[in-house]
């Protein structure tokens, strides 16, 4: 496991952390860093990106554009 926190039910807990990250990014008018978090096995984001206001692939690109080295 990439985060090395075995025994924690990530599916039910990480979503709260990622929601907080997204809210803070939104408050700062920045792309959501939570878009970079994907399932290790599928490479896909969690269900929170389904039917959302922002499209996941576009948000990932926005994150890289924002913080890419210049």
PDB file of N, CA and C in Angstrom:
ATOM      1  N   UNK A   1       0.843  -1.182   0.000  1.00  0.00           N
ATOM      2  CA  UNK A   1       0.000   0.000   0.000  1.00  0.00           C
ATOM      3  C   UNK A   1       0.886   1.242   0.000  1.00  0.00           C
ATOM      4  N   UNK A   2       0.609   2.165  -0.889  1.00  0.00           N
ATOM      5  CA  UNK A   2       1.448   3.351  -1.076  1.00  0.00           C
ATOM      6  C   UNK A   2       1.536   4.219   0.176  1.00  0.00           C
ATOM      7  N   UNK A   3       0.449   4.311   0.928  1.00  0.00           N
ATOM      8  CA  UNK A   3       0.443   5.167   2.118  1.00  0.00           C
ATOM      9  C   UNK A   3       0.968   4.465   3.358  1.00  0.00           C
ATOM     10  N   UNK A   4       1.121   3.158   3.276  1.00  0.00           N
ATOM     11  CA  UNK A   4       1.647   2.361   4.381  1.00  0.00           C
ATOM     12  C   UNK A   4       0.863   2.565   5.676  1.00  0.00           C
ATOM     13  N   UNK A   5      -0.456   2.528   5.575  1.00  0.00           N
ATOM     14  CA  UNK A   5      -1.298   2.618   6.773  1.00  0.00           C
ATOM     15  C   UNK A   5      -2.302   1.470   6.770  1.00  0.00           C
ATOM     16  N   UNK A   6      -1.762   0.270   6.762  1.00  0.00           N
ATOM     17  CA  UNK A   6      -2.586  -0.932   6.756  1.00  0.00           C
ATOM     18  C   UNK A   6      -3.496  -0.958   7.981  1.00  0.00           C
ATOM     19  N   UNK A   7      -4.676  -1.479   7.793  1.00  0.00           N
ATOM     20  CA  UNK A   7      -5.620  -1.605   8.886  1.00  0.00           C
ATOM     21  C   UNK A   7      -6.589  -0.438   8.983  1.00  0.00           C
ATOM     22  N   UNK A   8      -6.357   0.620   8.247  1.00  0.00           N
ATOM     23  CA  UNK A   8      -7.264   1.768   8.243  1.00  0.00           C
ATOM     24  C   UNK A   8      -8.215   1.593   7.067  1.00  0.00           C
ATOM     25  N   UNK A   9      -9.499   1.767   7.305  1.00  0.00           N
ATOM     26  CA  UNK A   9     -10.485   1.639   6.235  1.00  0.00           C
ATOM     27  C   UNK A   9     -10.442   2.911   5.387  1.00  0.00           C
ATOM     28  N   UNK A  10      -9.507   2.935   4.433  1.00  0.00           N
ATOM     29  CA  UNK A  10      -9.287   4.134   3.624  1.00  0.00           C
ATOM     30  C   UNK A  10     -10.515   4.575   2.864  1.00  0.00           C
ATOM     31  N   UNK A  11     -11.274   3.634   2.379  1.00  0.00           N
ATOM     32  CA  UNK A  11     -12.438   4.000   1.570  1.00  0.00           C
ATOM     33  C   UNK A  11     -13.387   4.897   2.347  1.00  0.00           C
ATOM     34  N   UNK A  12     -13.526   4.643   3.634  1.00  0.00           N
ATOM     35  CA  UNK A  12     -14.461   5.430   4.436  1.00  0.00           C
ATOM     36  C   UNK A  12     -13.824   6.623   5.122  1.00  0.00           C
ATOM     37  N   UNK A  13     -12.524   6.640   5.267  1.00  0.00           N
ATOM     38  CA  UNK A  13     -11.877   7.730   5.985  1.00  0.00           C
ATOM     39  C   UNK A  13     -11.190   8.751   5.074  1.00  0.00           C
ATOM     40  N   UNK A  14     -10.525   8.276   4.043  1.00  0.00           N
ATOM     41  CA  UNK A  14      -9.797   9.194   3.174  1.00  0.00           C
ATOM     42  C   UNK A  14     -10.718  10.173   2.465  1.00  0.00           C
ATOM     43  N   UNK A  15     -11.936   9.768   2.210  1.00  0.00           N
ATOM     44  CA  UNK A  15     -12.847  10.687   1.517  1.00  0.00           C
ATOM     45  C   UNK A  15     -13.063  11.959   2.324  1.00  0.00           C
ATOM     46  N   UNK A  16     -13.050  11.847   3.645  1.00  0.00           N
ATOM     47  CA  UNK A  16     -13.216  13.041   4.480  1.00  0.00           C
ATOM     48  C   UNK A  16     -11.999  13.955   4.352  1.00  0.00           C
ATOM     49  N   UNK A  17     -10.830  13.359   4.355  1.00  0.00           N
ATOM     50  CA  UNK A  17      -9.598  14.136   4.197  1.00  0.00           C
ATOM     51  C   UNK A  17      -9.576  14.798   2.825  1.00  0.00           C
ATOM     52  N   UNK A  18      -9.913  14.043   1.796  1.00  0.00           N
ATOM     53  CA  UNK A  18      -9.896  14.584   0.440  1.00  0.00           C
ATOM     54  C   UNK A  18     -10.949  15.666   0.250  1.00  0.00           C
ATOM     55  N   UNK A  19     -12.094  15.521   0.912  1.00  0.00           N
ATOM     56  CA  UNK A  19     -13.107  16.585   0.871  1.00  0.00           C
ATOM     57  C   UNK A  19     -12.546  17.870   1.469  1.00  0.00           C
ATOM     58  N   UNK A  20     -11.834  17.754   2.586  1.00  0.00           N
ATOM     59  CA  UNK A  20     -11.222  18.936   3.216  1.00  0.00           C
ATOM     60  C   UNK A  20     -10.176  19.566   2.294  1.00  0.00           C
ATOM     61  N   UNK A  21      -9.363  18.731   1.670  1.00  0.00           N
ATOM     62  CA  UNK A  21      -8.352  19.232   0.732  1.00  0.00           C
ATOM     63  C   UNK A  21      -9.036  19.973  -0.416  1.00  0.00           C
ATOM     64  N   UNK A  22     -10.083  19.386  -0.967  1.00  0.00           N
ATOM     65  CA  UNK A  22     -10.800  20.021  -2.077  1.00  0.00           C
ATOM     66  C   UNK A  22     -11.414  21.349  -1.673  1.00  0.00           C
ATOM     67  N   UNK A  23     -12.003  21.387  -0.488  1.00  0.00           N
ATOM     68  CA  UNK A  23     -12.609  22.648  -0.020  1.00  0.00           C
ATOM     69  C   UNK A  23     -11.557  23.744   0.144  1.00  0.00           C
ATOM     70  N   UNK A  24     -10.406  23.382   0.686  1.00  0.00           N
ATOM     71  CA  UNK A  24      -9.343  24.365   0.877  1.00  0.00           C
ATOM     72  C   UNK A  24      -8.819  24.859  -0.476  1.00  0.00           C
ATOM     73  N   UNK A  25      -8.651  23.949  -1.412  1.00  0.00           N
ATOM     74  CA  UNK A  25      -8.211  24.361  -2.750  1.00  0.00           C
ATOM     75  C   UNK A  25      -9.244  25.282  -3.395  1.00  0.00           C
ATOM     76  N   UNK A  26     -10.498  24.941  -3.237  1.00  0.00           N
ATOM     77  CA  UNK A  26     -11.564  25.775  -3.791  1.00  0.00           C
ATOM     78  C   UNK A  26     -11.553  27.157  -3.152  1.00  0.00           C
ATOM     79  N   UNK A  27     -11.356  27.209  -1.841  1.00  0.00           N
ATOM     80  CA  UNK A  27     -11.306  28.491  -1.132  1.00  0.00           C
ATOM     81  C   UNK A  27     -10.175  29.366  -1.677  1.00  0.00           C
ATOM     82  N   UNK A  28      -9.077  28.730  -2.056  1.00  0.00           N
ATOM     83  CA  UNK A  28      -7.920  29.451  -2.583  1.00  0.00           C
ATOM     84  C   UNK A  28      -8.019  29.689  -4.093  1.00  0.00           C
ATOM     85  N   UNK A  29      -9.128  29.219  -4.677  1.00  0.00           N
ATOM     86  CA  UNK A  29      -9.338  29.325  -6.118  1.00  0.00           C
ATOM     87  C   UNK A  29      -8.228  28.610  -6.902  1.00  0.00           C
ATOM     88  N   UNK A  30      -7.888  27.423  -6.423  1.00  0.00           N
ATOM     89  CA  UNK A  30      -6.876  26.582  -7.046  1.00  0.00           C
ATOM     90  C   UNK A  30      -7.503  25.248  -7.454  1.00  0.00           C
ATOM     91  N   UNK A  31      -6.895  24.553  -8.403  1.00  0.00           N
ATOM     92  CA  UNK A  31      -7.394  23.216  -8.748  1.00  0.00           C
ATOM     93  C   UNK A  31      -7.230  22.278  -7.550  1.00  0.00           C
ATOM     94  N   UNK A  32      -8.085  21.301  -7.473  1.00  0.00           N
ATOM     95  CA  UNK A  32      -8.082  20.396  -6.324  1.00  0.00           C
ATOM     96  C   UNK A  32      -6.954  19.371  -6.394  1.00  0.00           C
ATOM     97  N   UNK A  33      -6.074  19.421  -5.409  1.00  0.00           N
ATOM     98  CA  UNK A  33      -4.997  18.434  -5.307  1.00  0.00           C
ATOM     99  C   UNK A  33      -5.548  17.030  -5.070  1.00  0.00           C
ATOM    100  N   UNK A  34      -6.764  16.931  -4.572  1.00  0.00           N
ATOM    101  CA  UNK A  34      -7.383  15.624  -4.349  1.00  0.00           C
ATOM    102  C   UNK A  34      -7.553  14.861  -5.662  1.00  0.00           C
ATOM    103  N   UNK A  35      -7.529  15.557  -6.780  1.00  0.00           N
ATOM    104  CA  UNK A  35      -7.657  14.896  -8.085  1.00  0.00           C
ATOM    105  C   UNK A  35      -6.490  13.960  -8.360  1.00  0.00           C
ATOM    106  N   UNK A  36      -5.377  14.160  -7.658  1.00  0.00           N
ATOM    107  CA  UNK A  36      -4.199  13.333  -7.887  1.00  0.00           C
ATOM    108  C   UNK A  36      -4.257  11.997  -7.152  1.00  0.00           C
ATOM    109  N   UNK A  37      -5.234  11.817  -6.300  1.00  0.00           N
ATOM    110  CA  UNK A  37      -5.363  10.587  -5.519  1.00  0.00           C
ATOM    111  C   UNK A  37      -6.213   9.592  -6.301  1.00  0.00           C
ATOM    112  N   UNK A  38      -5.619   8.438  -6.594  1.00  0.00           N
ATOM    113  CA  UNK A  38      -6.319   7.413  -7.363  1.00  0.00           C
ATOM    114  C   UNK A  38      -6.184   6.053  -6.694  1.00  0.00           C
ATOM    115  N   UNK A  39      -7.022   5.143  -7.103  1.00  0.00           N
ATOM    116  CA  UNK A  39      -6.969   3.767  -6.628  1.00  0.00           C
ATOM    117  C   UNK A  39      -5.710   3.103  -7.179  1.00  0.00           C
ATOM    118  N   UNK A  40      -4.943   2.483  -6.317  1.00  0.00           N
ATOM    119  CA  UNK A  40      -3.684   1.859  -6.705  1.00  0.00           C
ATOM    120  C   UNK A  40      -3.881   0.790  -7.775  1.00  0.00           C
ATOM    121  N   UNK A  41      -4.964   0.056  -7.686  1.00  0.00           N
ATOM    122  CA  UNK A  41      -5.191  -1.051  -8.626  1.00  0.00           C
ATOM    123  C   UNK A  41      -5.769  -0.590  -9.955  1.00  0.00           C
ATOM    124  N   UNK A  42      -6.667   0.394  -9.918  1.00  0.00           N
ATOM    125  CA  UNK A  42      -7.364   0.791 -11.150  1.00  0.00           C
ATOM    126  C   UNK A  42      -6.790   2.058 -11.786  1.00  0.00           C
ATOM    127  N   UNK A  43      -6.099   2.871 -11.000  1.00  0.00           N
ATOM    128  CA  UNK A  43      -5.603   4.140 -11.522  1.00  0.00           C
ATOM    129  C   UNK A  43      -6.702   5.165 -11.701  1.00  0.00           C
ATOM    130  N   UNK A  44      -7.865   4.886 -11.146  1.00  0.00           N
ATOM    131  CA  UNK A  44      -9.021   5.780 -11.285  1.00  0.00           C
ATOM    132  C   UNK A  44      -9.313   6.485  -9.968  1.00  0.00           C
ATOM    133  N   UNK A  45      -9.975   7.638 -10.035  1.00  0.00           N
ATOM    134  CA  UNK A  45     -10.340   8.345  -8.810  1.00  0.00           C
ATOM    135  C   UNK A  45     -11.524   7.664  -8.137  1.00  0.00           C
ATOM    136  N   UNK A  46     -11.808   8.091  -6.932  1.00  0.00           N
ATOM    137  CA  UNK A  46     -12.947   7.551  -6.197  1.00  0.00           C
ATOM    138  C   UNK A  46     -14.274   8.038  -6.739  1.00  0.00           C
ATOM    139  N   UNK A  47     -15.330   7.504  -6.176  1.00  0.00           N
ATOM    140  CA  UNK A  47     -16.688   7.812  -6.634  1.00  0.00           C
ATOM    141  C   UNK A  47     -17.050   9.285  -6.469  1.00  0.00           C
ATOM    142  N   UNK A  48     -16.316  10.010  -5.629  1.00  0.00           N
ATOM    143  CA  UNK A  48     -16.597  11.431  -5.437  1.00  0.00           C
ATOM    144  C   UNK A  48     -16.451  12.257  -6.702  1.00  0.00           C
ATOM    145  N   UNK A  49     -15.753  11.738  -7.690  1.00  0.00           N
ATOM    146  CA  UNK A  49     -15.570  12.467  -8.949  1.00  0.00           C
ATOM    147  C   UNK A  49     -16.665  12.162  -9.949  1.00  0.00           C
ATOM    148  N   UNK A  50     -17.505  11.173  -9.660  1.00  0.00           N
ATOM    149  CA  UNK A  50     -18.606  10.855 -10.563  1.00  0.00           C
ATOM    150  C   UNK A  50     -19.708  11.882 -10.413  1.00  0.00           C
ATOM    151  N   UNK A  51     -20.220  12.363 -11.510  1.00  0.00           N
ATOM    152  CA  UNK A  51     -21.313  13.339 -11.517  1.00  0.00           C
ATOM    153  C   UNK A  51     -20.975  14.594 -10.730  1.00  0.00           C
ATOM    154  N   UNK A  52     -19.712  14.923 -10.687  1.00  0.00           N
ATOM    155  CA  UNK A  52     -19.296  16.110  -9.954  1.00  0.00           C
ATOM    156  C   UNK A  52     -19.365  17.353 -10.817  1.00  0.00           C
ATOM    157  N   UNK A  53     -19.121  18.484 -10.192  1.00  0.00           N
ATOM    158  CA  UNK A  53     -19.126  19.759 -10.889  1.00  0.00           C
ATOM    159  C   UNK A  53     -17.934  19.838 -11.839  1.00  0.00           C
ATOM    160  N   UNK A  54     -16.807  19.259 -11.436  1.00  0.00           N
ATOM    161  CA  UNK A  54     -15.602  19.283 -12.244  1.00  0.00           C
ATOM    162  C   UNK A  54     -15.333  17.893 -12.816  1.00  0.00           C
ATOM    163  N   UNK A  55     -14.825  17.866 -14.014  1.00  0.00           N
ATOM    164  CA  UNK A  55     -14.441  16.609 -14.637  1.00  0.00           C
ATOM    165  C   UNK A  55     -13.046  16.230 -14.150  1.00  0.00           C
ATOM    166  N   UNK A  56     -12.860  14.966 -13.777  1.00  0.00           N
ATOM    167  CA  UNK A  56     -11.596  14.524 -13.204  1.00  0.00           C
ATOM    168  C   UNK A  56     -10.391  14.744 -14.118  1.00  0.00           C
ATOM    169  N   UNK A  57     -10.420  14.307 -15.390  1.00  0.00           N
ATOM    170  CA  UNK A  57      -9.219  14.490 -16.221  1.00  0.00           C
ATOM    171  C   UNK A  57      -8.832  15.969 -16.380  1.00  0.00           C
ATOM    172  N   UNK A  58      -9.814  16.821 -16.521  1.00  0.00           N
ATOM    173  CA  UNK A  58      -9.540  18.251 -16.663  1.00  0.00           C
ATOM    174  C   UNK A  58      -8.955  18.827 -15.379  1.00  0.00           C
ATOM    175  N   UNK A  59      -9.415  18.330 -14.241  1.00  0.00           N
ATOM    176  CA  UNK A  59      -8.900  18.822 -12.963  1.00  0.00           C
ATOM    177  C   UNK A  59      -7.446  18.395 -12.772  1.00  0.00           C
ATOM    178  N   UNK A  60      -7.115  17.176 -13.162  1.00  0.00           N
ATOM    179  CA  UNK A  60      -5.727  16.709 -13.071  1.00  0.00           C
ATOM    180  C   UNK A  60      -4.829  17.593 -13.941  1.00  0.00           C
ATOM    181  N   UNK A  61      -5.271  17.872 -15.157  1.00  0.00           N
ATOM    182  CA  UNK A  61      -4.476  18.752 -16.031  1.00  0.00           C
ATOM    183  C   UNK A  61      -4.318  20.137 -15.420  1.00  0.00           C
ATOM    184  N   UNK A  62      -5.375  20.659 -14.809  1.00  0.00           N
ATOM    185  CA  UNK A  62      -5.317  21.979 -14.187  1.00  0.00           C
ATOM    186  C   UNK A  62      -4.313  22.000 -13.031  1.00  0.00           C
ATOM    187  N   UNK A  63      -4.257  20.906 -12.266  1.00  0.00           N
ATOM    188  CA  UNK A  63      -3.293  20.811 -11.162  1.00  0.00           C
ATOM    189  C   UNK A  63      -1.870  20.881 -11.716  1.00  0.00           C
ATOM    190  N   UNK A  64      -1.590  20.122 -12.762  1.00  0.00           N
ATOM    191  CA  UNK A  64      -0.241  20.118 -13.334  1.00  0.00           C
ATOM    192  C   UNK A  64       0.100  21.462 -13.969  1.00  0.00           C
ATOM    193  N   UNK A  65      -0.872  22.104 -14.594  1.00  0.00           N
ATOM    194  CA  UNK A  65      -0.597  23.439 -15.170  1.00  0.00           C
ATOM    195  C   UNK A  65      -0.284  24.439 -14.070  1.00  0.00           C
ATOM    196  N   UNK A  66      -1.013  24.360 -12.973  1.00  0.00           N
ATOM    197  CA  UNK A  66      -0.834  25.312 -11.871  1.00  0.00           C
ATOM    198  C   UNK A  66       0.542  25.176 -11.221  1.00  0.00           C
ATOM    199  N   UNK A  67       0.968  23.954 -10.971  1.00  0.00           N
ATOM    200  CA  UNK A  67       2.201  23.748 -10.201  1.00  0.00           C
ATOM    201  C   UNK A  67       3.371  23.196 -11.030  1.00  0.00           C
ATOM    202  N   UNK A  68       3.268  23.262 -12.341  1.00  0.00           N
ATOM    203  CA  UNK A  68       4.379  22.789 -13.174  1.00  0.00           C
ATOM    204  C   UNK A  68       5.572  23.740 -13.029  1.00  0.00           C
ATOM    205  N   UNK A  69       6.771  23.188 -13.026  1.00  0.00           N
ATOM    206  CA  UNK A  69       7.946  24.059 -12.996  1.00  0.00           C
ATOM    207  C   UNK A  69       7.952  24.974 -14.216  1.00  0.00           C
ATOM    208  N   UNK A  70       8.371  26.189 -14.005  1.00  0.00           N
ATOM    209  CA  UNK A  70       8.366  27.164 -15.115  1.00  0.00           C
ATOM    210  C   UNK A  70       9.741  27.435 -15.596  1.00  0.00           C
TER     211      UNK A  70
END
